[in-house]
Amino acid sequence: MFSCCHGWRFAATAIARPPRRGYMGAMLQSPQNRPELPAEIARRRTFAIISHPDAGKTTLTEKFLLFGGAIQMAGQVRAKGEARRTRSDFMAMEKDRGISVSASAMSFDFASGGRDYRFNLVDTPGHSDFSEDTYRTLTAVDAAVMVIDGAKGVESQTQKLFEVCRMRDLPILTFCNKMDRESRDTFEIIDEIQENLAIDVTPASWPIGVGRDFIGCYDILRDRLELMDRADRNRVSESIKIEGLEDPKLAEHVPGPLLEKLREDLEMVRELMPALDPALMAEGSLTPIWFGSAINSFGVKELMEGIAKYGPEPQIQSAEPRQILPEEGKVAGFVFKVQANMDPKHRDRVAFVRLASGHFERGMKLTHVRSKKPMAISNPVLFLAADRELAEEAWAGDIIGIPNHGQLRIGDTLTEGEALRVTGIPSFAPELLQGVRAGDPMKAKHLEKALFQFAEEGAAKVFKPSIGSGFIVGVVGQLQFEVLASRIELEYGLPVRFEGSQFTSARWVSGEKAAVEKFANANKQHIAHDHDGDIVYLTRLQWDIDRVERDYPQVRLTATKEMMV
C-alpha cells in the first residue's frame, strides 16, 4: 500500500498528458495563430485556491466575496454558537470542525483598472484526506492561488497540490498570509518556496514590520504604500501614492527603523529577484507573491487586482478527438464534480460543469455524450457558496450547476451535438479499504443507494465483491470514513458502521476480454466490481500484485482510471 505522497506521484506518471499551453502563453508566443477572445469570455478568471489546512484559505475566500460585493460581512471560519458561518463551508461537518472537505464554487464580479471581471473561484479541501476531490477540481480551472502561512512556510499538502498544478502547467499566484502574527523572515519564505517547489518567485508587495509591528506593505508593482487598519477587519487598506523609495511621504507613515529595513530589503529584491514576466507566469515557471493578513482584509484587494491583470483568460481544453477552444461558437462543457444532497430536504444532486466553449443560455438542449441522449438544461444554477440563483446565461470559463437525478457523472461531457470527450479527469485507487454495515439490517437496500450516490459523487469508491454479500468502501484518508458515516446518517437517516477488511488496496483490471475473464474466474475471492461495473482486483499485499504481473502477463492492473467512456 503506498502512502498518499506516492499516490500523487503515481498520478503524475499514470495520467501524463500533453502540456496545455495557457491561452496567455500561446498569445504571447504566437499572436498570429490565436484570435482575441470575445469580450465576455476574455473577462473571465477561473481559479482555485490551494493550501495546507489552516493556512487561512477559507478566510481568504470570504474576503474575495466581500471585496467582490457578493456578501456584506465576512464570517469566521470557526464560528461560535450561532455566530455567522463562513459562506463556502455548507456541510454540517465542515461547520462543526471549521475545515473544508468538499470543493465549492463561487461566481462574482470584480472591477479593476477600469474593467469589469467575472471571477469563478473554486475553494478546495485543504485536508490531505480529500486530495482526489481537489485534484479533479484543478482540472476545471485556469490558474491557482497558493496560500502560505507566514509562520510555517511551505507545508506538505501545499507541496502535493503544487505538484498537481505543475503537471497541468497552471499559472500560480502566491499569497503569504498571517503577516500580522509572528512570522518568518521574508527572504527565508521566498527561498523556501523556490527550493521546495522549484519555481521562481517575484515579490509583488513587500511587508513592513512583522507580527505586532506589522503596519502594512509596499506595493512594488505600483509604488504605493498600503497601511493596515487593525480596528476594522472588513475595511480595505488605506493606499498612499509614493514617488519611489526616497519620497518624504514614506517617513510620515513608516517609523525610522522599519523604513531603513524596507529600503535595504527592496534594494536586495531588485538586485537578486526577477521582475514580473507575464509570459513566464503563464507557463507556470514564475509566481508573483503578495503579503498580507486575510483576517484583517489586508493585501486581499491587491491580490485580486493581480488575478485580474495577470491571471489567464479561459484556456484551451484537452479532449478527444480534438481540443476545445474557448472562442468556439458551440457550447461544450464537462462535469468535474457531483455534489449530492446540497439541500437534504430535496434529495438533490448537482453536477458542477465547467464550460469549455461557447455561450450557454438557459433552456438549451445539450447532448450527453456518454449516453448520446439530448438533455434540456432548464434550471441551471450559479453558485454563491450554499446560495444558488438561476443562471440565465453563462460563457466559456464559467462554472454552472446542473441539478439532475443521477444522469450526470464526473468526467461526462456535454456538447451541442459533437462527440467530444474531455480528457485528464482521473479516478485514483483508494489507500484504505473497509467493510460497511447498516445499523438496521432491514435497510440494506437504503445503504446500497446511499453508497452508490457517494461513489458517483466521487466521495468514495464502492466495490461489490464477487463472493459474499455486502460492500467494501475505499477512500484516500481515514477522515473520509468519518465524513461518510456522518453524511449517510444525516442525509439518509441511516446509522452505519465501518469494519476492518482483509484487503488493503484495489487495482482496476484491463486487457483482452478473454484474458480478463479467465483471470477473474481464477481469482474470484479477490474480484469485485466498482459502481461503473468495471472489474477491480482487491489486494492484501504487494505480493498479490507481483503474482498477477508474473502469472497473467496479458492482464494489466492500474491504480488510476480515466473518468470517461
Protein backbone atom coordinates (compact mmCIF):
# COMPACT_ATOMS: atom_id res chain seq x y z
CA MET A 1 0.00 0.00 0.00
CA PHE A 2 1.56 3.25 -0.96
CA SER A 3 1.41 6.44 1.04
CA CYS A 4 -0.62 9.46 -0.03
CA CYS A 5 2.50 11.09 -1.38
CA HIS A 6 3.25 8.07 -3.56
CA GLY A 7 -0.34 8.08 -4.71
CA TRP A 8 0.10 11.58 -6.04
CA ARG A 9 3.42 10.75 -7.63
CA PHE A 10 1.83 7.77 -9.31
CA ALA A 11 -0.83 10.09 -10.63
CA ALA A 12 1.87 12.21 -12.22
CA THR A 13 3.13 9.25 -14.23
CA ALA A 14 -0.14 7.44 -14.82
CA ILE A 15 -2.07 10.25 -16.43
CA ALA A 16 0.72 12.15 -18.05
CA ARG A 17 -0.82 14.46 -20.58
CA PRO A 18 0.47 16.90 -23.18
CA PRO A 19 1.14 20.25 -21.53
CA ARG A 20 -1.77 22.62 -22.01
CA ARG A 21 -0.09 25.76 -23.17
CA GLY A 22 -2.01 28.55 -21.49
CA TYR A 23 -4.01 30.86 -23.74
CA MET A 24 -1.97 33.74 -22.39
CA GLY A 25 1.27 31.85 -23.11
CA ALA A 26 0.13 30.96 -26.61
CA MET A 27 -0.95 34.53 -27.24
CA LEU A 28 2.44 35.86 -26.15
CA GLN A 29 4.39 33.35 -28.25
CA SER A 30 2.38 33.24 -31.49
CA PRO A 31 -0.11 36.11 -31.73
CA GLN A 32 -0.78 35.35 -35.39
CA ASN A 33 -2.25 31.90 -34.58
CA ARG A 34 -4.71 32.77 -31.84
CA PRO A 35 -7.64 35.15 -32.29
CA GLU A 36 -8.65 37.52 -29.50
CA LEU A 37 -11.33 36.08 -27.26
CA PRO A 38 -14.84 37.61 -27.30
CA ALA A 39 -15.04 40.31 -24.58
CA GLU A 40 -17.44 38.31 -22.35
CA ILE A 41 -15.07 35.32 -22.31
CA ALA A 42 -11.90 37.42 -22.00
CA ARG A 43 -13.17 38.97 -18.74
CA ARG A 44 -13.50 35.54 -17.05
CA ARG A 45 -10.91 34.43 -14.49
CA THR A 46 -11.43 30.87 -13.27
CA PHE A 47 -9.11 29.79 -10.45
CA ALA A 48 -8.79 27.54 -7.42
CA ILE A 49 -7.36 28.36 -4.01
CA ILE A 50 -4.93 25.72 -2.70
CA SER A 51 -3.17 25.46 0.66
CA HIS A 52 -2.30 23.32 3.65
CA PRO A 53 -5.12 23.10 6.24
CA ASP A 54 -5.32 26.18 8.50
CA ALA A 55 -3.28 28.48 6.24
CA GLY A 56 -6.35 30.75 6.01
CA LYS A 57 -7.76 29.66 2.66
CA THR A 58 -11.43 29.80 3.64
CA THR A 59 -10.97 33.22 5.27
CA LEU A 60 -9.33 34.49 2.07
CA THR A 61 -12.29 33.14 0.06
CA GLU A 62 -14.64 35.10 2.33
CA LYS A 63 -12.72 38.33 1.75
CA PHE A 64 -12.77 37.77 -2.03
CA LEU A 65 -16.57 37.62 -1.82
CA LEU A 66 -16.58 40.71 0.41
CA PHE A 67 -14.46 42.81 -1.97
CA GLY A 68 -16.39 41.47 -4.96
CA GLY A 69 -19.53 42.88 -3.31
CA ALA A 70 -21.07 39.39 -3.09
CA ILE A 71 -21.52 39.50 0.70
CA GLN A 72 -21.77 42.37 3.20
CA MET A 73 -19.82 40.85 6.11
CA ALA A 74 -17.23 38.09 6.22
CA GLY A 75 -17.83 35.14 8.57
CA GLN A 76 -15.32 33.49 10.87
CA VAL A 77 -14.12 30.00 9.96
CA ARG A 78 -14.57 28.68 13.49
CA ALA A 79 -17.97 30.04 14.33
CA LYS A 80 -19.12 30.11 17.95
CA GLY A 81 -22.72 29.09 18.59
CA GLU A 82 -25.00 30.74 16.07
CA ALA A 83 -22.40 33.35 15.06
CA ARG A 84 -22.16 33.89 11.32
CA ARG A 85 -20.76 30.85 9.49
CA THR A 86 -18.40 31.07 6.54
CA ARG A 87 -20.29 31.01 3.25
CA SER A 88 -18.15 28.47 1.45
CA ASP A 89 -18.48 25.62 4.01
CA PHE A 90 -22.03 24.30 3.79
CA MET A 91 -21.80 20.74 5.14
CA ALA A 92 -22.62 20.16 8.81
CA MET A 93 -19.25 18.57 9.45
CA GLU A 94 -17.41 21.49 7.86
CA LYS A 95 -19.29 23.90 10.12
CA ASP A 96 -18.54 21.80 13.23
CA ARG A 97 -14.83 21.38 12.53
CA GLY A 98 -14.02 24.61 10.70
CA ILE A 99 -12.44 22.71 7.79
CA SER A 100 -13.40 22.47 4.12
CA VAL A 101 -13.97 18.89 2.99
CA SER A 102 -15.69 19.44 -0.36
CA ALA A 103 -14.73 21.83 -3.13
CA SER A 104 -17.28 24.60 -3.60
CA ALA A 105 -17.60 27.04 -6.50
CA MET A 106 -18.49 30.72 -6.38
CA SER A 107 -19.01 33.33 -9.08
CA PHE A 108 -18.88 37.09 -8.52
CA ASP A 109 -17.89 40.29 -10.32
CA PHE A 110 -14.84 42.42 -9.55
CA ALA A 111 -13.89 45.80 -11.03
CA SER A 112 -10.20 46.59 -11.53
CA GLY A 113 -8.29 49.06 -13.70
CA GLY A 114 -11.46 50.37 -15.36
CA ARG A 115 -12.57 46.85 -16.44
CA ASP A 116 -15.22 44.53 -15.04
CA TYR A 117 -14.12 40.94 -14.43
CA ARG A 118 -16.11 37.82 -13.64
CA PHE A 119 -14.26 35.69 -11.07
CA ASN A 120 -15.12 31.98 -10.85
CA LEU A 121 -13.47 30.85 -7.66
CA VAL A 122 -13.23 27.21 -6.59
CA ASP A 123 -12.41 26.63 -2.92
CA THR A 124 -10.75 23.23 -2.48
CA PRO A 125 -10.43 20.97 0.57
CA GLY A 126 -7.10 21.63 2.26
CA HIS A 127 -7.12 18.35 4.18
CA SER A 128 -4.94 15.70 2.52
CA ASP A 129 -7.64 13.05 3.04
CA PHE A 130 -9.66 14.80 0.33
CA SER A 131 -6.87 15.15 -2.23
CA GLU A 132 -8.76 13.39 -5.03
CA ASP A 133 -11.63 15.91 -4.94
CA THR A 134 -9.01 18.67 -5.08
CA TYR A 135 -7.19 17.05 -8.00
CA ARG A 136 -10.35 16.88 -10.08
CA THR A 137 -11.17 20.47 -9.21
CA LEU A 138 -7.80 21.55 -10.61
CA THR A 139 -8.82 20.09 -14.00
CA ALA A 140 -11.58 22.74 -14.17
CA VAL A 141 -9.56 25.91 -13.50
CA ASP A 142 -7.08 28.03 -15.46
CA ALA A 143 -4.91 29.20 -12.53
CA ALA A 144 -4.33 28.60 -8.83
CA VAL A 145 -3.85 30.92 -5.85
CA MET A 146 -1.46 29.27 -3.39
CA VAL A 147 -1.92 30.38 0.23
CA ILE A 148 1.08 30.04 2.55
CA ASP A 149 1.18 30.64 6.31
CA GLY A 150 3.88 33.25 7.07
CA ALA A 151 5.00 31.34 10.19
CA LYS A 152 5.01 27.83 8.69
CA GLY A 153 6.12 28.39 5.09
CA VAL A 154 5.65 25.57 2.55
CA GLU A 155 3.85 22.65 4.21
CA SER A 156 3.37 19.08 2.98
CA GLN A 157 -0.13 19.41 1.50
CA THR A 158 0.82 22.66 -0.27
CA GLN A 159 3.69 20.79 -1.88
CA LYS A 160 1.45 17.95 -3.13
CA LEU A 161 -1.16 20.33 -4.53
CA PHE A 162 1.57 22.38 -6.15
CA GLU A 163 2.89 19.24 -7.91
CA VAL A 164 -0.58 18.72 -9.39
CA CYS A 165 -0.64 22.34 -10.62
CA ARG A 166 2.78 21.79 -12.16
CA MET A 167 1.53 18.68 -14.01
CA ARG A 168 -1.23 20.79 -15.50
CA ASP A 169 1.07 23.80 -16.24
CA LEU A 170 -1.24 26.02 -14.20
CA PRO A 171 -0.13 29.61 -13.61
CA ILE A 172 0.21 30.23 -9.87
CA LEU A 173 -0.21 33.40 -7.80
CA THR A 174 1.00 33.20 -4.18
CA PHE A 175 -0.44 34.87 -1.08
CA CYS A 176 1.65 34.78 2.11
CA ASN A 177 -0.93 35.06 4.89
CA LYS A 178 -0.90 35.88 8.65
CA MET A 179 1.84 38.53 8.44
CA ASP A 180 0.22 40.25 11.44
CA ARG A 181 1.32 37.27 13.57
CA GLU A 182 4.88 36.28 14.37
CA SER A 183 6.17 35.05 11.01
CA ARG A 184 9.44 34.08 9.43
CA ASP A 185 11.90 36.31 7.62
CA THR A 186 10.53 37.30 4.20
CA PHE A 187 13.66 36.27 2.26
CA GLU A 188 13.59 32.91 4.07
CA ILE A 189 9.96 32.30 3.00
CA ILE A 190 10.78 33.15 -0.64
CA ASP A 191 13.89 30.90 -0.56
CA GLU A 192 11.81 28.02 0.78
CA ILE A 193 9.20 28.39 -2.00
CA GLN A 194 11.96 28.48 -4.64
CA GLU A 195 13.79 25.46 -3.21
CA ASN A 196 10.84 23.22 -2.28
CA LEU A 197 8.65 23.99 -5.28
CA ALA A 198 11.32 24.69 -7.90
CA ILE A 199 9.58 27.84 -9.12
CA ASP A 200 10.98 31.37 -9.42
CA VAL A 201 9.37 33.94 -7.13
CA THR A 202 8.94 37.66 -7.74
CA PRO A 203 7.57 39.87 -4.93
CA ALA A 204 4.52 41.95 -5.95
CA SER A 205 4.48 43.56 -2.49
CA TRP A 206 6.84 43.68 0.49
CA PRO A 207 5.85 43.52 4.19
CA ILE A 208 6.78 46.38 6.54
CA GLY A 209 7.39 45.03 10.04
CA VAL A 210 6.28 41.65 11.33
CA GLY A 211 3.84 40.36 13.98
CA ARG A 212 2.77 43.17 16.31
CA ASP A 213 4.98 45.62 14.41
CA PHE A 214 3.40 44.79 11.04
CA ILE A 215 1.93 48.04 9.69
CA GLY A 216 1.36 47.18 6.03
CA CYS A 217 3.10 46.56 2.71
CA TYR A 218 4.90 48.42 -0.01
CA ASP A 219 3.21 47.69 -3.37
CA ILE A 220 6.23 47.10 -5.62
CA LEU A 221 4.21 46.90 -8.85
CA ARG A 222 2.60 50.32 -8.41
CA ASP A 223 4.85 52.24 -5.98
CA ARG A 224 2.15 52.53 -3.32
CA LEU A 225 2.18 52.30 0.43
CA GLU A 226 -0.64 50.11 1.80
CA LEU A 227 -1.41 50.61 5.51
CA MET A 228 -3.36 48.05 7.53
CA ASP A 229 -6.31 49.06 9.72
CA ARG A 230 -6.35 46.68 12.71
CA ALA A 231 -9.55 48.22 14.08
CA ASP A 232 -11.91 47.28 11.24
CA ARG A 233 -11.30 43.83 9.77
CA ASN A 234 -13.72 44.31 6.88
CA ARG A 235 -12.20 47.55 5.63
CA VAL A 236 -9.98 47.94 2.59
CA SER A 237 -6.49 49.16 3.46
CA GLU A 238 -5.52 52.81 3.05
CA SER A 239 -3.43 53.48 -0.08
CA ILE A 240 -0.83 56.24 -0.35
CA LYS A 241 0.76 57.00 -3.74
CA ILE A 242 4.55 57.18 -3.44
CA GLU A 243 7.11 58.55 -5.89
CA GLY A 244 9.81 55.94 -5.27
CA LEU A 245 11.50 54.89 -2.02
CA GLU A 246 13.05 58.33 -1.37
CA ASP A 247 9.64 60.04 -1.24
CA PRO A 248 9.47 62.05 2.06
CA LYS A 249 5.82 60.92 2.45
CA LEU A 250 7.14 57.48 3.43
CA ALA A 251 8.72 58.84 6.62
CA GLU A 252 5.36 60.33 7.69
CA HIS A 253 3.79 56.87 7.84
CA VAL A 254 6.64 54.39 8.44
CA PRO A 255 8.77 54.53 11.66
CA GLY A 256 12.53 55.14 11.05
CA PRO A 257 13.97 51.64 11.74
CA LEU A 258 11.23 49.94 9.66
CA LEU A 259 11.75 52.40 6.79
CA GLU A 260 15.51 51.80 6.78
CA LYS A 261 14.94 47.99 6.68
CA LEU A 262 12.35 48.39 3.88
CA ARG A 263 14.81 50.35 1.71
CA GLU A 264 17.59 47.79 2.32
CA ASP A 265 15.29 44.85 1.58
CA LEU A 266 13.93 46.34 -1.64
CA GLU A 267 17.42 47.12 -2.88
CA MET A 268 18.27 43.41 -2.47
CA VAL A 269 14.99 42.38 -4.12
CA ARG A 270 15.75 44.47 -7.21
CA GLU A 271 19.26 43.05 -7.47
CA LEU A 272 18.50 39.39 -6.72
CA MET A 273 14.97 38.63 -7.91
CA PRO A 274 13.41 38.52 -11.37
CA ALA A 275 10.88 41.12 -12.48
CA LEU A 276 7.30 40.01 -13.11
CA ASP A 277 7.22 38.49 -16.61
CA PRO A 278 3.64 37.59 -17.70
CA ALA A 279 4.94 35.01 -20.21
CA LEU A 280 6.91 33.08 -17.55
CA MET A 281 3.96 33.29 -15.18
CA ALA A 282 1.57 31.97 -17.86
CA GLU A 283 3.71 28.87 -18.37
CA GLY A 284 3.88 28.21 -14.60
CA SER A 285 7.61 28.81 -14.03
CA LEU A 286 7.32 32.13 -12.13
CA THR A 287 4.93 33.09 -9.32
CA PRO A 288 4.29 36.62 -8.04
CA ILE A 289 3.86 36.77 -4.25
CA TRP A 290 1.70 39.18 -2.22
CA PHE A 291 1.95 39.51 1.57
CA GLY A 292 -0.95 40.27 3.87
CA SER A 293 -3.44 39.21 6.53
CA ALA A 294 -6.71 37.76 5.21
CA ILE A 295 -8.44 38.01 8.60
CA ASN A 296 -7.71 41.76 8.62
CA SER A 297 -8.73 42.11 4.94
CA PHE A 298 -5.20 43.28 4.22
CA GLY A 299 -3.41 42.55 0.93
CA VAL A 300 -6.51 40.78 -0.45
CA LYS A 301 -7.63 43.53 -2.83
CA GLU A 302 -4.09 43.80 -4.28
CA LEU A 303 -4.07 40.02 -4.85
CA MET A 304 -7.46 40.25 -6.60
CA GLU A 305 -6.17 43.04 -8.83
CA GLY A 306 -3.19 40.78 -9.62
CA ILE A 307 -5.53 37.93 -10.62
CA ALA A 308 -7.48 40.32 -12.87
CA LYS A 309 -4.37 41.73 -14.54
CA TYR A 310 -2.03 38.70 -14.70
CA GLY A 311 -4.38 35.72 -14.37
CA PRO A 312 -5.08 33.79 -17.59
CA GLU A 313 -8.24 34.08 -19.65
CA PRO A 314 -10.20 30.83 -20.27
CA GLN A 315 -7.87 28.16 -21.67
CA ILE A 316 -7.90 25.57 -24.43
CA GLN A 317 -9.31 22.29 -23.05
CA SER A 318 -7.77 18.88 -23.84
CA ALA A 319 -10.33 16.50 -25.33
CA GLU A 320 -10.70 13.60 -27.76
CA PRO A 321 -10.71 13.58 -30.76
CA ARG A 322 -9.70 17.29 -30.73
CA GLN A 323 -9.06 20.18 -28.35
CA ILE A 324 -11.87 22.57 -27.44
CA LEU A 325 -11.14 26.28 -27.99
CA PRO A 326 -12.91 28.78 -25.69
CA GLU A 327 -13.92 31.09 -28.57
CA GLU A 328 -15.82 28.37 -30.47
CA GLY A 329 -19.43 29.30 -31.16
CA LYS A 330 -20.87 25.99 -29.95
CA VAL A 331 -21.21 25.15 -26.26
CA ALA A 332 -19.14 22.35 -24.70
CA GLY A 333 -18.58 21.66 -21.01
CA PHE A 334 -17.58 18.84 -18.66
CA VAL A 335 -18.57 17.59 -15.21
CA PHE A 336 -15.69 17.78 -12.72
CA LYS A 337 -17.68 17.31 -9.51
CA VAL A 338 -21.03 15.96 -8.37
CA GLN A 339 -22.44 17.06 -5.02
CA ALA A 340 -25.37 15.10 -3.60
CA ASN A 341 -27.87 16.45 -1.09
CA MET A 342 -26.66 20.07 -1.02
CA ASP A 343 -30.22 20.59 0.21
CA PRO A 344 -31.10 17.37 2.16
CA LYS A 345 -34.83 18.27 2.08
CA HIS A 346 -34.86 17.87 -1.70
CA ARG A 347 -32.53 14.85 -2.13
CA ASP A 348 -30.94 16.77 -4.98
CA ARG A 349 -27.76 16.15 -6.92
CA VAL A 350 -25.93 18.95 -8.61
CA ALA A 351 -23.29 18.37 -11.30
CA PHE A 352 -20.64 21.13 -11.38
CA VAL A 353 -19.95 21.83 -15.06
CA ARG A 354 -17.03 23.88 -16.37
CA LEU A 355 -17.95 25.46 -19.71
CA ALA A 356 -15.07 24.98 -22.13
CA SER A 357 -16.52 26.91 -25.08
CA GLY A 358 -19.40 28.98 -26.38
CA HIS A 359 -22.28 30.99 -24.94
CA PHE A 360 -24.76 28.92 -22.93
CA GLU A 361 -28.38 30.03 -22.44
CA ARG A 362 -30.94 28.56 -20.08
CA GLY A 363 -33.25 26.05 -21.76
CA MET A 364 -30.63 24.90 -24.29
CA LYS A 365 -30.61 21.27 -25.36
CA LEU A 366 -27.16 19.71 -24.99
CA THR A 367 -26.04 16.20 -25.93
CA HIS A 368 -24.90 13.98 -23.07
CA VAL A 369 -22.00 12.40 -24.96
CA ARG A 370 -21.76 9.20 -22.85
CA SER A 371 -25.42 8.22 -23.37
CA LYS A 372 -25.77 10.05 -26.75
CA LYS A 373 -29.08 11.47 -25.42
CA PRO A 374 -30.17 15.12 -25.54
CA MET A 375 -30.69 16.91 -22.20
CA ALA A 376 -32.73 20.09 -21.83
CA ILE A 377 -30.90 22.26 -19.30
CA SER A 378 -33.91 24.11 -17.91
CA ASN A 379 -32.80 25.09 -14.39
CA PRO A 380 -29.00 25.58 -14.35
CA VAL A 381 -27.66 27.43 -11.32
CA LEU A 382 -24.80 29.79 -10.48
CA PHE A 383 -23.28 29.39 -7.03
CA LEU A 384 -22.53 31.75 -4.25
CA ALA A 385 -21.35 29.07 -1.83
CA ALA A 386 -24.53 27.42 -0.46
CA ASP A 387 -26.77 30.00 -2.16
CA ARG A 388 -27.75 29.49 -5.78
CA GLU A 389 -29.54 31.54 -8.38
CA LEU A 390 -30.87 30.53 -11.79
CA ALA A 391 -28.26 31.01 -14.50
CA GLU A 392 -29.95 32.68 -17.47
CA GLU A 393 -26.68 32.53 -19.39
CA ALA A 394 -23.02 31.56 -18.98
CA TRP A 395 -19.85 31.74 -21.08
CA ALA A 396 -16.70 29.67 -21.57
CA GLY A 397 -14.79 29.77 -18.27
CA ASP A 398 -17.92 29.81 -16.10
CA ILE A 399 -18.93 27.05 -13.69
CA ILE A 400 -22.63 26.21 -13.56
CA GLY A 401 -24.57 23.65 -11.56
CA ILE A 402 -26.99 21.30 -13.29
CA PRO A 403 -29.49 19.63 -10.92
CA ASN A 404 -30.17 16.06 -12.06
CA HIS A 405 -31.27 12.67 -10.80
CA GLY A 406 -28.13 10.68 -11.47
CA GLN A 407 -27.73 11.07 -15.25
CA LEU A 408 -24.56 13.17 -14.92
CA ARG A 409 -21.32 11.71 -13.56
CA ILE A 410 -17.80 13.02 -13.06
CA GLY A 411 -16.00 13.06 -16.43
CA ASP A 412 -19.16 13.44 -18.55
CA THR A 413 -19.00 15.89 -21.47
CA LEU A 414 -21.98 17.96 -22.69
CA THR A 415 -21.90 19.46 -26.21
CA GLU A 416 -24.19 20.86 -28.89
CA GLY A 417 -24.02 17.54 -30.73
CA GLU A 418 -20.34 16.80 -31.45
CA ALA A 419 -18.97 13.63 -29.82
CA LEU A 420 -16.16 15.26 -27.83
CA ARG A 421 -14.79 13.74 -24.63
CA VAL A 422 -12.81 15.90 -22.24
CA THR A 423 -9.72 14.01 -21.02
CA GLY A 424 -7.50 14.04 -17.97
CA ILE A 425 -10.08 13.67 -15.17
CA PRO A 426 -8.74 10.78 -13.11
CA SER A 427 -10.03 8.36 -10.51
CA PHE A 428 -7.36 7.10 -8.08
CA ALA A 429 -7.18 3.73 -6.34
CA PRO A 430 -8.14 4.10 -2.66
CA GLU A 431 -5.49 3.64 0.02
CA LEU A 432 -7.80 2.44 2.82
CA LEU A 433 -10.49 -0.24 2.47
CA GLN A 434 -13.21 -1.13 4.98
CA GLY A 435 -16.39 -3.18 5.02
CA VAL A 436 -19.64 -1.33 5.81
CA ARG A 437 -22.86 -2.46 7.51
CA ALA A 438 -26.19 -0.72 8.16
CA GLY A 439 -27.14 -0.41 11.83
CA ASP A 440 -30.57 -1.79 10.80
CA PRO A 441 -30.20 -4.96 8.64
CA MET A 442 -33.65 -4.28 7.13
CA LYS A 443 -32.25 -1.15 5.48
CA ALA A 444 -29.54 -2.83 3.38
CA LYS A 445 -31.21 -1.54 0.18
CA HIS A 446 -31.11 2.04 1.50
CA LEU A 447 -27.41 1.60 2.27
CA GLU A 448 -26.71 0.43 -1.29
CA LYS A 449 -28.47 3.51 -2.69
CA ALA A 450 -26.50 5.85 -0.35
CA LEU A 451 -23.15 4.22 -1.18
CA PHE A 452 -23.73 4.40 -4.95
CA GLN A 453 -24.75 8.04 -4.57
CA PHE A 454 -21.43 8.85 -2.85
CA ALA A 455 -19.46 6.78 -5.38
CA GLU A 456 -20.93 8.77 -8.26
CA GLU A 457 -20.16 11.96 -6.39
CA GLY A 458 -16.51 10.85 -6.15
CA ALA A 459 -16.58 10.92 -2.32
CA ALA A 460 -15.57 7.24 -2.06
CA LYS A 461 -15.01 4.09 -4.12
CA VAL A 462 -17.61 1.37 -3.61
CA PHE A 463 -16.77 -2.22 -4.53
CA LYS A 464 -19.19 -5.18 -4.68
CA PRO A 465 -17.15 -8.38 -4.13
CA SER A 466 -17.96 -11.33 -6.42
CA ILE A 467 -18.23 -13.66 -3.41
CA GLY A 468 -20.44 -12.88 -0.41
CA SER A 469 -22.81 -10.02 0.32
CA GLY A 470 -22.10 -6.51 1.45
CA PHE A 471 -19.84 -3.78 0.09
CA ILE A 472 -16.27 -2.64 0.55
CA VAL A 473 -15.68 1.10 0.69
CA GLY A 474 -12.34 2.61 -0.34
CA VAL A 475 -11.04 6.11 0.50
CA VAL A 476 -7.79 8.08 0.40
CA GLY A 477 -7.73 9.13 4.08
CA GLN A 478 -9.24 7.97 7.39
CA LEU A 479 -11.21 11.20 7.88
CA GLN A 480 -13.30 10.30 4.82
CA PHE A 481 -14.83 7.32 6.68
CA GLU A 482 -15.98 9.70 9.44
CA VAL A 483 -17.42 12.11 6.86
CA LEU A 484 -19.21 9.28 5.03
CA ALA A 485 -20.72 7.83 8.23
CA SER A 486 -21.85 11.30 9.30
CA ARG A 487 -23.38 12.12 5.89
CA ILE A 488 -25.15 8.74 5.49
CA GLU A 489 -26.75 9.24 8.91
CA LEU A 490 -27.64 12.91 8.30
CA GLU A 491 -28.82 12.61 4.71
CA TYR A 492 -30.40 9.13 4.73
CA GLY A 493 -31.29 8.70 8.44
CA LEU A 494 -29.22 5.52 8.39
CA PRO A 495 -26.59 4.82 11.09
CA VAL A 496 -23.73 2.70 9.67
CA ARG A 497 -20.54 1.16 10.98
CA PHE A 498 -17.28 0.58 9.14
CA GLU A 499 -15.26 -2.53 9.97
CA GLY A 500 -11.82 -3.83 9.07
CA SER A 501 -11.30 -5.61 5.75
CA GLN A 502 -8.74 -8.26 4.79
CA PHE A 503 -7.95 -6.15 1.70
CA THR A 504 -5.60 -3.17 1.71
CA SER A 505 -5.76 -1.78 -1.82
CA ALA A 506 -7.58 -2.06 -5.16
CA ARG A 507 -6.48 -2.09 -8.80
CA TRP A 508 -8.55 -1.77 -11.97
CA VAL A 509 -8.17 -4.71 -14.35
CA SER A 510 -7.80 -4.24 -18.11
CA GLY A 511 -6.73 -6.29 -21.12
CA GLU A 512 -8.23 -8.54 -23.81
CA LYS A 513 -11.76 -9.65 -22.84
CA ALA A 514 -10.92 -13.40 -22.85
CA ALA A 515 -7.76 -12.87 -20.74
CA VAL A 516 -9.64 -10.71 -18.21
CA GLU A 517 -12.48 -13.27 -17.91
CA LYS A 518 -10.01 -16.14 -17.39
CA PHE A 519 -8.17 -14.10 -14.74
CA ALA A 520 -11.42 -13.12 -12.96
CA ASN A 521 -12.69 -16.72 -12.85
CA ALA A 522 -9.41 -17.98 -11.40
CA ASN A 523 -9.24 -15.25 -8.71
CA LYS A 524 -12.89 -14.90 -7.64
CA GLN A 525 -12.05 -14.33 -3.97
CA HIS A 526 -10.15 -11.13 -4.97
CA ILE A 527 -12.54 -9.84 -7.65
CA ALA A 528 -15.08 -7.05 -7.18
CA HIS A 529 -16.88 -4.53 -9.42
CA ASP A 530 -16.93 -0.77 -8.90
CA HIS A 531 -20.08 1.35 -9.25
CA ASP A 532 -19.49 1.67 -13.03
CA GLY A 533 -19.38 -2.14 -13.32
CA ASP A 534 -15.63 -2.18 -14.06
CA ILE A 535 -13.62 -5.16 -12.77
CA VAL A 536 -11.41 -4.50 -9.76
CA TYR A 537 -8.75 -6.72 -8.17
CA LEU A 538 -8.66 -6.36 -4.36
CA THR A 539 -5.22 -6.98 -2.88
CA ARG A 540 -3.89 -7.81 0.59
CA LEU A 541 -0.16 -7.47 -0.05
CA GLN A 542 2.17 -6.18 -2.72
CA TRP A 543 2.86 -9.88 -3.33
CA ASP A 544 -0.67 -10.25 -4.80
CA ILE A 545 0.11 -7.59 -7.42
CA ASP A 546 3.54 -9.09 -8.19
CA ARG A 547 1.93 -12.55 -8.62
CA VAL A 548 -0.63 -11.24 -11.13
CA GLU A 549 2.06 -9.43 -13.13
CA ARG A 550 4.10 -12.68 -13.20
CA ASP A 551 1.32 -15.20 -13.89
CA TYR A 552 -1.02 -13.12 -16.09
CA PRO A 553 1.15 -11.00 -18.43
CA GLN A 554 -1.87 -10.27 -20.70
CA VAL A 555 -3.71 -8.54 -17.83
CA ARG A 556 -2.90 -5.00 -16.66
CA LEU A 557 -3.52 -3.70 -13.12
CA THR A 558 -3.73 0.10 -12.81
CA ALA A 559 -4.07 2.46 -9.84
CA THR A 560 -5.95 5.10 -11.85
CA LYS A 561 -8.71 5.06 -14.38
CA GLU A 562 -9.79 7.89 -16.63
CA MET A 563 -13.29 9.04 -15.73
CA MET A 564 -14.86 8.97 -19.16
CA VAL A 565 -16.34 6.47 -21.58
